[in-house]
Amino acid sequence: MEFILIIGIIFSIFYGLGAVYILGGYETKTKAQKEMKDYTVAWWVHQIWINFVGSLIGWSAMYLILRDVFTNAPLVWQHIVLFLIGALGISGFLPHFLWRVSSLGSRENKFEGIIVFPTSSKEKKKKRNK
């Protein structure tokens, strides 16, 4: 049963390192690589960390469900919540979902798209020059 946690850690590392490319919706990798050079180290660390943790939470939720299934524990409504958290986490959408939920009360709908990318330094320079 612990193999699920090992698989979860491996895939969480993968998602942490690759989620920006995976979920960004880029047409080509070379285009993404050109755009990614403009972001700061802090942005990259944040993206890696938040996507790693989101995936790890998803795998942990699925582990808890499977543990209860294999030990014949009664399934309750909390397992549905765990399944939703697990599905969002494993697929990489848990950070985005939490971001959207946190912005429900705001008047501005500024969080559209799968991942919110900050404005790159090149884009800021273009805006200043206009």
N, C-alpha and C. Protein backbone atom coordinates (compact mmCIF):
# COMPACT_ATOMS: atom_id res chain seq x y z
N MET A 1 0.83 -1.21 0.00
CA MET A 1 0.00 0.00 0.00
C MET A 1 0.86 1.26 0.00
N GLU A 2 2.05 1.19 0.60
CA GLU A 2 2.91 2.37 0.66
C GLU A 2 3.48 2.73 -0.71
N PHE A 3 3.40 1.79 -1.67
CA PHE A 3 3.88 2.08 -3.01
C PHE A 3 3.12 3.26 -3.61
N ILE A 4 1.88 3.46 -3.20
CA ILE A 4 1.10 4.59 -3.70
C ILE A 4 1.74 5.90 -3.25
N LEU A 5 2.23 5.94 -2.03
CA LEU A 5 2.89 7.15 -1.54
C LEU A 5 4.20 7.39 -2.29
N ILE A 6 4.93 6.31 -2.59
CA ILE A 6 6.18 6.45 -3.34
C ILE A 6 5.89 6.97 -4.75
N ILE A 7 4.89 6.40 -5.39
CA ILE A 7 4.48 6.88 -6.72
C ILE A 7 4.04 8.34 -6.62
N GLY A 8 3.30 8.66 -5.57
CA GLY A 8 2.84 10.03 -5.37
C GLY A 8 3.99 11.01 -5.23
N ILE A 9 5.02 10.64 -4.50
CA ILE A 9 6.18 11.52 -4.34
C ILE A 9 6.89 11.72 -5.67
N ILE A 10 7.07 10.63 -6.41
CA ILE A 10 7.75 10.72 -7.72
C ILE A 10 6.96 11.63 -8.67
N PHE A 11 5.66 11.41 -8.77
CA PHE A 11 4.85 12.24 -9.67
C PHE A 11 4.71 13.67 -9.15
N SER A 12 4.75 13.86 -7.86
CA SER A 12 4.70 15.22 -7.31
C SER A 12 5.95 16.00 -7.68
N ILE A 13 7.10 15.34 -7.63
CA ILE A 13 8.34 15.98 -8.06
C ILE A 13 8.24 16.34 -9.54
N PHE A 14 7.74 15.41 -10.34
CA PHE A 14 7.55 15.65 -11.77
C PHE A 14 6.64 16.84 -12.00
N TYR A 15 5.51 16.88 -11.30
CA TYR A 15 4.56 18.00 -11.47
C TYR A 15 5.16 19.30 -10.97
N GLY A 16 5.88 19.24 -9.87
CA GLY A 16 6.50 20.45 -9.37
C GLY A 16 7.46 21.06 -10.37
N LEU A 17 8.24 20.22 -11.02
CA LEU A 17 9.23 20.71 -11.98
C LEU A 17 8.63 21.04 -13.34
N GLY A 18 7.54 20.38 -13.72
CA GLY A 18 7.02 20.55 -15.07
C GLY A 18 5.66 21.15 -15.22
N ALA A 19 4.98 21.49 -14.14
CA ALA A 19 3.60 21.96 -14.25
C ALA A 19 3.46 23.24 -15.05
N VAL A 20 4.44 24.11 -14.98
CA VAL A 20 4.35 25.36 -15.74
C VAL A 20 4.26 25.07 -17.23
N TYR A 21 5.05 24.11 -17.69
CA TYR A 21 5.00 23.73 -19.10
C TYR A 21 3.78 22.88 -19.41
N ILE A 22 3.42 21.99 -18.49
CA ILE A 22 2.32 21.06 -18.73
C ILE A 22 0.99 21.79 -18.78
N LEU A 23 0.73 22.65 -17.82
CA LEU A 23 -0.57 23.30 -17.71
C LEU A 23 -0.65 24.65 -18.40
N GLY A 24 0.46 25.14 -18.93
CA GLY A 24 0.49 26.46 -19.54
C GLY A 24 -0.20 26.57 -20.87
N GLY A 25 -0.43 25.45 -21.54
CA GLY A 25 -1.10 25.49 -22.82
C GLY A 25 -0.23 26.04 -23.94
N TYR A 26 1.06 25.84 -23.85
CA TYR A 26 1.96 26.37 -24.88
C TYR A 26 1.89 25.54 -26.15
N GLU A 27 2.07 26.23 -27.27
CA GLU A 27 2.04 25.55 -28.56
C GLU A 27 3.33 24.77 -28.80
N THR A 28 4.45 25.39 -28.49
CA THR A 28 5.73 24.71 -28.68
C THR A 28 6.60 24.90 -27.45
N LYS A 29 7.48 23.96 -27.23
CA LYS A 29 8.37 24.05 -26.08
C LYS A 29 9.36 25.20 -26.25
N THR A 30 9.83 25.44 -27.47
CA THR A 30 10.81 26.50 -27.67
C THR A 30 10.21 27.86 -27.36
N LYS A 31 8.96 28.06 -27.72
CA LYS A 31 8.29 29.33 -27.40
C LYS A 31 8.19 29.48 -25.88
N ALA A 32 7.83 28.41 -25.20
CA ALA A 32 7.72 28.47 -23.74
C ALA A 32 9.08 28.74 -23.11
N GLN A 33 10.11 28.12 -23.62
CA GLN A 33 11.44 28.34 -23.06
C GLN A 33 11.87 29.79 -23.20
N LYS A 34 11.55 30.40 -24.32
CA LYS A 34 11.88 31.82 -24.52
C LYS A 34 11.14 32.69 -23.51
N GLU A 35 9.85 32.41 -23.29
CA GLU A 35 9.06 33.21 -22.35
C GLU A 35 9.49 32.98 -20.91
N MET A 36 9.89 31.76 -20.58
CA MET A 36 10.22 31.42 -19.20
C MET A 36 11.52 32.04 -18.72
N LYS A 37 12.38 32.46 -19.62
CA LYS A 37 13.66 33.04 -19.21
C LYS A 37 13.48 34.36 -18.48
N ASP A 38 12.35 35.01 -18.66
CA ASP A 38 12.13 36.34 -18.07
C ASP A 38 11.66 36.28 -16.62
N TYR A 39 11.27 35.13 -16.12
CA TYR A 39 10.73 35.05 -14.78
C TYR A 39 11.83 34.94 -13.74
N THR A 40 11.56 35.42 -12.55
CA THR A 40 12.56 35.44 -11.49
C THR A 40 12.70 34.08 -10.83
N VAL A 41 13.77 33.93 -10.08
CA VAL A 41 14.01 32.69 -9.34
C VAL A 41 12.90 32.48 -8.31
N ALA A 42 12.46 33.56 -7.68
CA ALA A 42 11.39 33.44 -6.68
C ALA A 42 10.10 32.91 -7.32
N TRP A 43 9.78 33.37 -8.53
CA TRP A 43 8.59 32.89 -9.22
C TRP A 43 8.71 31.40 -9.50
N TRP A 44 9.88 30.98 -10.00
CA TRP A 44 10.09 29.57 -10.29
C TRP A 44 10.00 28.71 -9.04
N VAL A 45 10.64 29.15 -7.95
CA VAL A 45 10.58 28.39 -6.69
C VAL A 45 9.15 28.27 -6.22
N HIS A 46 8.39 29.36 -6.31
CA HIS A 46 6.99 29.33 -5.91
C HIS A 46 6.19 28.33 -6.76
N GLN A 47 6.37 28.38 -8.07
CA GLN A 47 5.64 27.47 -8.96
C GLN A 47 5.99 26.02 -8.68
N ILE A 48 7.27 25.72 -8.52
CA ILE A 48 7.69 24.36 -8.23
C ILE A 48 7.11 23.90 -6.91
N TRP A 49 7.22 24.74 -5.89
CA TRP A 49 6.74 24.37 -4.55
C TRP A 49 5.22 24.17 -4.54
N ILE A 50 4.47 25.12 -5.07
CA ILE A 50 3.02 25.05 -4.98
C ILE A 50 2.47 23.88 -5.78
N ASN A 51 3.06 23.57 -6.92
CA ASN A 51 2.60 22.45 -7.72
C ASN A 51 3.03 21.12 -7.12
N PHE A 52 4.22 21.07 -6.51
CA PHE A 52 4.65 19.86 -5.82
C PHE A 52 3.72 19.56 -4.65
N VAL A 53 3.44 20.55 -3.84
CA VAL A 53 2.58 20.37 -2.66
C VAL A 53 1.15 20.01 -3.09
N GLY A 54 0.63 20.68 -4.11
CA GLY A 54 -0.72 20.36 -4.59
C GLY A 54 -0.84 18.92 -5.05
N SER A 55 0.15 18.44 -5.78
CA SER A 55 0.14 17.06 -6.24
C SER A 55 0.29 16.09 -5.07
N LEU A 56 1.17 16.41 -4.15
CA LEU A 56 1.38 15.54 -2.98
C LEU A 56 0.11 15.44 -2.12
N ILE A 57 -0.60 16.54 -1.98
CA ILE A 57 -1.87 16.52 -1.24
C ILE A 57 -2.87 15.62 -1.97
N GLY A 58 -2.92 15.70 -3.29
CA GLY A 58 -3.82 14.86 -4.06
C GLY A 58 -3.51 13.38 -3.90
N TRP A 59 -2.23 13.02 -4.00
CA TRP A 59 -1.84 11.63 -3.83
C TRP A 59 -2.11 11.14 -2.41
N SER A 60 -1.90 12.00 -1.44
CA SER A 60 -2.16 11.63 -0.03
C SER A 60 -3.65 11.39 0.19
N ALA A 61 -4.49 12.22 -0.42
CA ALA A 61 -5.94 12.02 -0.29
C ALA A 61 -6.37 10.70 -0.90
N MET A 62 -5.81 10.37 -2.06
CA MET A 62 -6.14 9.09 -2.68
C MET A 62 -5.63 7.92 -1.84
N TYR A 63 -4.47 8.10 -1.22
CA TYR A 63 -3.94 7.06 -0.34
C TYR A 63 -4.91 6.79 0.81
N LEU A 64 -5.44 7.86 1.41
CA LEU A 64 -6.37 7.70 2.53
C LEU A 64 -7.64 6.96 2.10
N ILE A 65 -8.13 7.25 0.91
CA ILE A 65 -9.32 6.55 0.41
C ILE A 65 -9.01 5.07 0.20
N LEU A 66 -7.91 4.78 -0.49
CA LEU A 66 -7.56 3.39 -0.77
C LEU A 66 -7.27 2.61 0.51
N ARG A 67 -6.66 3.27 1.48
CA ARG A 67 -6.40 2.61 2.76
C ARG A 67 -7.71 2.16 3.40
N ASP A 68 -8.71 3.04 3.37
CA ASP A 68 -10.00 2.69 3.95
C ASP A 68 -10.72 1.61 3.15
N VAL A 69 -10.57 1.64 1.83
CA VAL A 69 -11.20 0.62 0.99
C VAL A 69 -10.58 -0.75 1.28
N PHE A 70 -9.26 -0.81 1.35
CA PHE A 70 -8.59 -2.10 1.55
C PHE A 70 -8.72 -2.63 2.98
N THR A 71 -9.02 -1.76 3.94
CA THR A 71 -9.21 -2.23 5.32
C THR A 71 -10.69 -2.43 5.64
N ASN A 72 -11.53 -2.33 4.61
CA ASN A 72 -12.97 -2.52 4.76
C ASN A 72 -13.61 -1.53 5.74
N ALA A 73 -13.03 -0.36 5.84
CA ALA A 73 -13.63 0.69 6.67
C ALA A 73 -14.85 1.23 5.94
N PRO A 74 -15.86 1.64 6.66
CA PRO A 74 -17.05 2.17 5.99
C PRO A 74 -16.73 3.48 5.26
N LEU A 75 -17.25 3.60 4.07
CA LEU A 75 -17.04 4.82 3.30
C LEU A 75 -18.11 5.84 3.69
N VAL A 76 -17.69 7.05 3.94
CA VAL A 76 -18.59 8.12 4.38
C VAL A 76 -18.47 9.30 3.41
N TRP A 77 -19.25 10.32 3.63
CA TRP A 77 -19.28 11.45 2.70
C TRP A 77 -17.93 12.16 2.63
N GLN A 78 -17.12 12.07 3.67
CA GLN A 78 -15.80 12.71 3.65
C GLN A 78 -14.90 12.10 2.56
N HIS A 79 -15.18 10.85 2.21
CA HIS A 79 -14.40 10.23 1.14
C HIS A 79 -14.67 10.90 -0.21
N ILE A 80 -15.85 11.43 -0.39
CA ILE A 80 -16.15 12.16 -1.63
C ILE A 80 -15.30 13.43 -1.69
N VAL A 81 -15.21 14.13 -0.56
CA VAL A 81 -14.37 15.33 -0.50
C VAL A 81 -12.91 14.97 -0.75
N LEU A 82 -12.46 13.88 -0.12
CA LEU A 82 -11.09 13.43 -0.34
C LEU A 82 -10.85 13.07 -1.80
N PHE A 83 -11.85 12.43 -2.43
CA PHE A 83 -11.70 12.08 -3.84
C PHE A 83 -11.58 13.33 -4.71
N LEU A 84 -12.40 14.34 -4.45
CA LEU A 84 -12.33 15.58 -5.23
C LEU A 84 -10.98 16.27 -5.05
N ILE A 85 -10.51 16.33 -3.81
CA ILE A 85 -9.19 16.90 -3.53
C ILE A 85 -8.11 16.09 -4.24
N GLY A 86 -8.24 14.76 -4.16
CA GLY A 86 -7.26 13.90 -4.81
C GLY A 86 -7.23 14.08 -6.31
N ALA A 87 -8.41 14.13 -6.93
CA ALA A 87 -8.48 14.29 -8.38
C ALA A 87 -7.90 15.64 -8.81
N LEU A 88 -8.22 16.69 -8.09
CA LEU A 88 -7.67 18.01 -8.41
C LEU A 88 -6.16 18.05 -8.21
N GLY A 89 -5.70 17.43 -7.12
CA GLY A 89 -4.26 17.44 -6.82
C GLY A 89 -3.46 16.63 -7.81
N ILE A 90 -3.91 15.42 -8.11
CA ILE A 90 -3.18 14.55 -9.02
C ILE A 90 -3.15 15.12 -10.43
N SER A 91 -4.22 15.76 -10.86
CA SER A 91 -4.26 16.32 -12.20
C SER A 91 -3.56 17.67 -12.30
N GLY A 92 -3.16 18.24 -11.16
CA GLY A 92 -2.42 19.50 -11.18
C GLY A 92 -3.27 20.74 -11.06
N PHE A 93 -4.56 20.59 -10.82
CA PHE A 93 -5.45 21.75 -10.77
C PHE A 93 -5.79 22.22 -9.35
N LEU A 94 -5.26 21.59 -8.33
CA LEU A 94 -5.57 22.00 -6.96
C LEU A 94 -5.10 23.43 -6.67
N PRO A 95 -3.87 23.81 -7.02
CA PRO A 95 -3.47 25.21 -6.77
C PRO A 95 -4.37 26.21 -7.48
N HIS A 96 -4.73 25.92 -8.73
CA HIS A 96 -5.61 26.83 -9.48
C HIS A 96 -7.00 26.88 -8.84
N PHE A 97 -7.52 25.74 -8.45
CA PHE A 97 -8.83 25.70 -7.80
C PHE A 97 -8.83 26.53 -6.52
N LEU A 98 -7.82 26.38 -5.70
CA LEU A 98 -7.74 27.15 -4.46
C LEU A 98 -7.59 28.64 -4.76
N TRP A 99 -6.84 28.98 -5.81
CA TRP A 99 -6.68 30.37 -6.21
C TRP A 99 -8.02 30.97 -6.62
N ARG A 100 -8.79 30.20 -7.39
CA ARG A 100 -10.10 30.67 -7.83
C ARG A 100 -11.07 30.82 -6.66
N VAL A 101 -11.06 29.86 -5.75
CA VAL A 101 -11.95 29.93 -4.59
C VAL A 101 -11.60 31.15 -3.74
N SER A 102 -10.32 31.44 -3.60
CA SER A 102 -9.92 32.58 -2.77
C SER A 102 -10.31 33.91 -3.40
N SER A 103 -10.55 33.93 -4.71
CA SER A 103 -10.90 35.19 -5.38
C SER A 103 -12.41 35.33 -5.61
N LEU A 104 -13.22 34.43 -5.08
CA LEU A 104 -14.66 34.50 -5.32
C LEU A 104 -15.28 35.79 -4.82
N GLY A 105 -14.79 36.34 -3.74
CA GLY A 105 -15.38 37.54 -3.19
C GLY A 105 -14.89 38.82 -3.84
N SER A 106 -13.86 38.74 -4.69
CA SER A 106 -13.33 39.96 -5.28
C SER A 106 -14.23 40.46 -6.41
N ARG A 107 -14.20 41.75 -6.62
CA ARG A 107 -15.03 42.34 -7.67
C ARG A 107 -14.44 42.14 -9.04
N GLU A 108 -13.12 42.08 -9.12
CA GLU A 108 -12.45 41.93 -10.40
C GLU A 108 -12.28 40.46 -10.71
N ASN A 109 -12.49 40.10 -11.95
CA ASN A 109 -12.27 38.73 -12.38
C ASN A 109 -10.93 38.68 -13.11
N LYS A 110 -9.85 38.81 -12.36
CA LYS A 110 -8.53 38.90 -12.97
C LYS A 110 -7.79 37.58 -13.00
N PHE A 111 -8.40 36.51 -12.60
CA PHE A 111 -7.72 35.22 -12.56
C PHE A 111 -8.32 34.27 -13.60
N GLU A 112 -8.14 34.58 -14.86
CA GLU A 112 -8.68 33.72 -15.91
C GLU A 112 -7.56 32.88 -16.49
N GLY A 113 -7.90 31.71 -17.00
CA GLY A 113 -6.91 30.80 -17.56
C GLY A 113 -6.51 29.76 -16.54
N ILE A 114 -5.75 28.81 -16.97
CA ILE A 114 -5.36 27.71 -16.09
C ILE A 114 -4.29 28.14 -15.11
N ILE A 115 -3.27 28.84 -15.58
CA ILE A 115 -2.21 29.32 -14.70
C ILE A 115 -2.09 30.82 -14.91
N VAL A 116 -1.96 31.56 -13.83
CA VAL A 116 -1.80 33.00 -13.92
C VAL A 116 -0.31 33.29 -13.99
N PHE A 117 0.14 33.81 -15.12
CA PHE A 117 1.54 34.15 -15.28
C PHE A 117 1.72 35.64 -15.02
N PRO A 118 2.74 36.00 -14.27
CA PRO A 118 3.01 37.43 -14.07
C PRO A 118 3.55 38.03 -15.35
N THR A 119 3.48 39.32 -15.45
CA THR A 119 3.99 40.01 -16.63
C THR A 119 5.50 39.88 -16.65
N SER A 120 6.06 39.48 -17.79
CA SER A 120 7.51 39.31 -17.90
C SER A 120 8.16 40.68 -17.98
N SER A 121 9.46 40.72 -17.76
CA SER A 121 10.19 41.99 -17.79
C SER A 121 10.18 42.58 -19.20
N LYS A 122 10.17 41.73 -20.25
CA LYS A 122 10.10 42.25 -21.61
C LYS A 122 8.77 42.94 -21.86
N GLU A 123 7.67 42.34 -21.37
CA GLU A 123 6.35 42.94 -21.55
C GLU A 123 6.25 44.26 -20.80
N LYS A 124 6.86 44.35 -19.61
CA LYS A 124 6.84 45.59 -18.85
C LYS A 124 7.59 46.68 -19.59
N LYS A 125 8.74 46.31 -20.20
CA LYS A 125 9.50 47.30 -20.96
C LYS A 125 8.73 47.80 -22.17
N LYS A 126 8.01 46.89 -22.86
CA LYS A 126 7.21 47.28 -24.01
C LYS A 126 6.12 48.25 -23.60
N LYS A 127 5.47 48.00 -22.45
CA LYS A 127 4.40 48.90 -21.97
C LYS A 127 4.96 50.26 -21.61
N ARG A 128 6.16 50.29 -21.02
CA ARG A 128 6.77 51.57 -20.64
C ARG A 128 7.14 52.39 -21.87
N ASN A 129 7.58 51.71 -22.93
CA ASN A 129 8.03 52.41 -24.13
C ASN A 129 6.88 52.94 -24.97
N LYS A 130 5.67 52.51 -24.73
CA LYS A 130 4.51 52.97 -25.53
C LYS A 130 4.05 54.32 -25.10
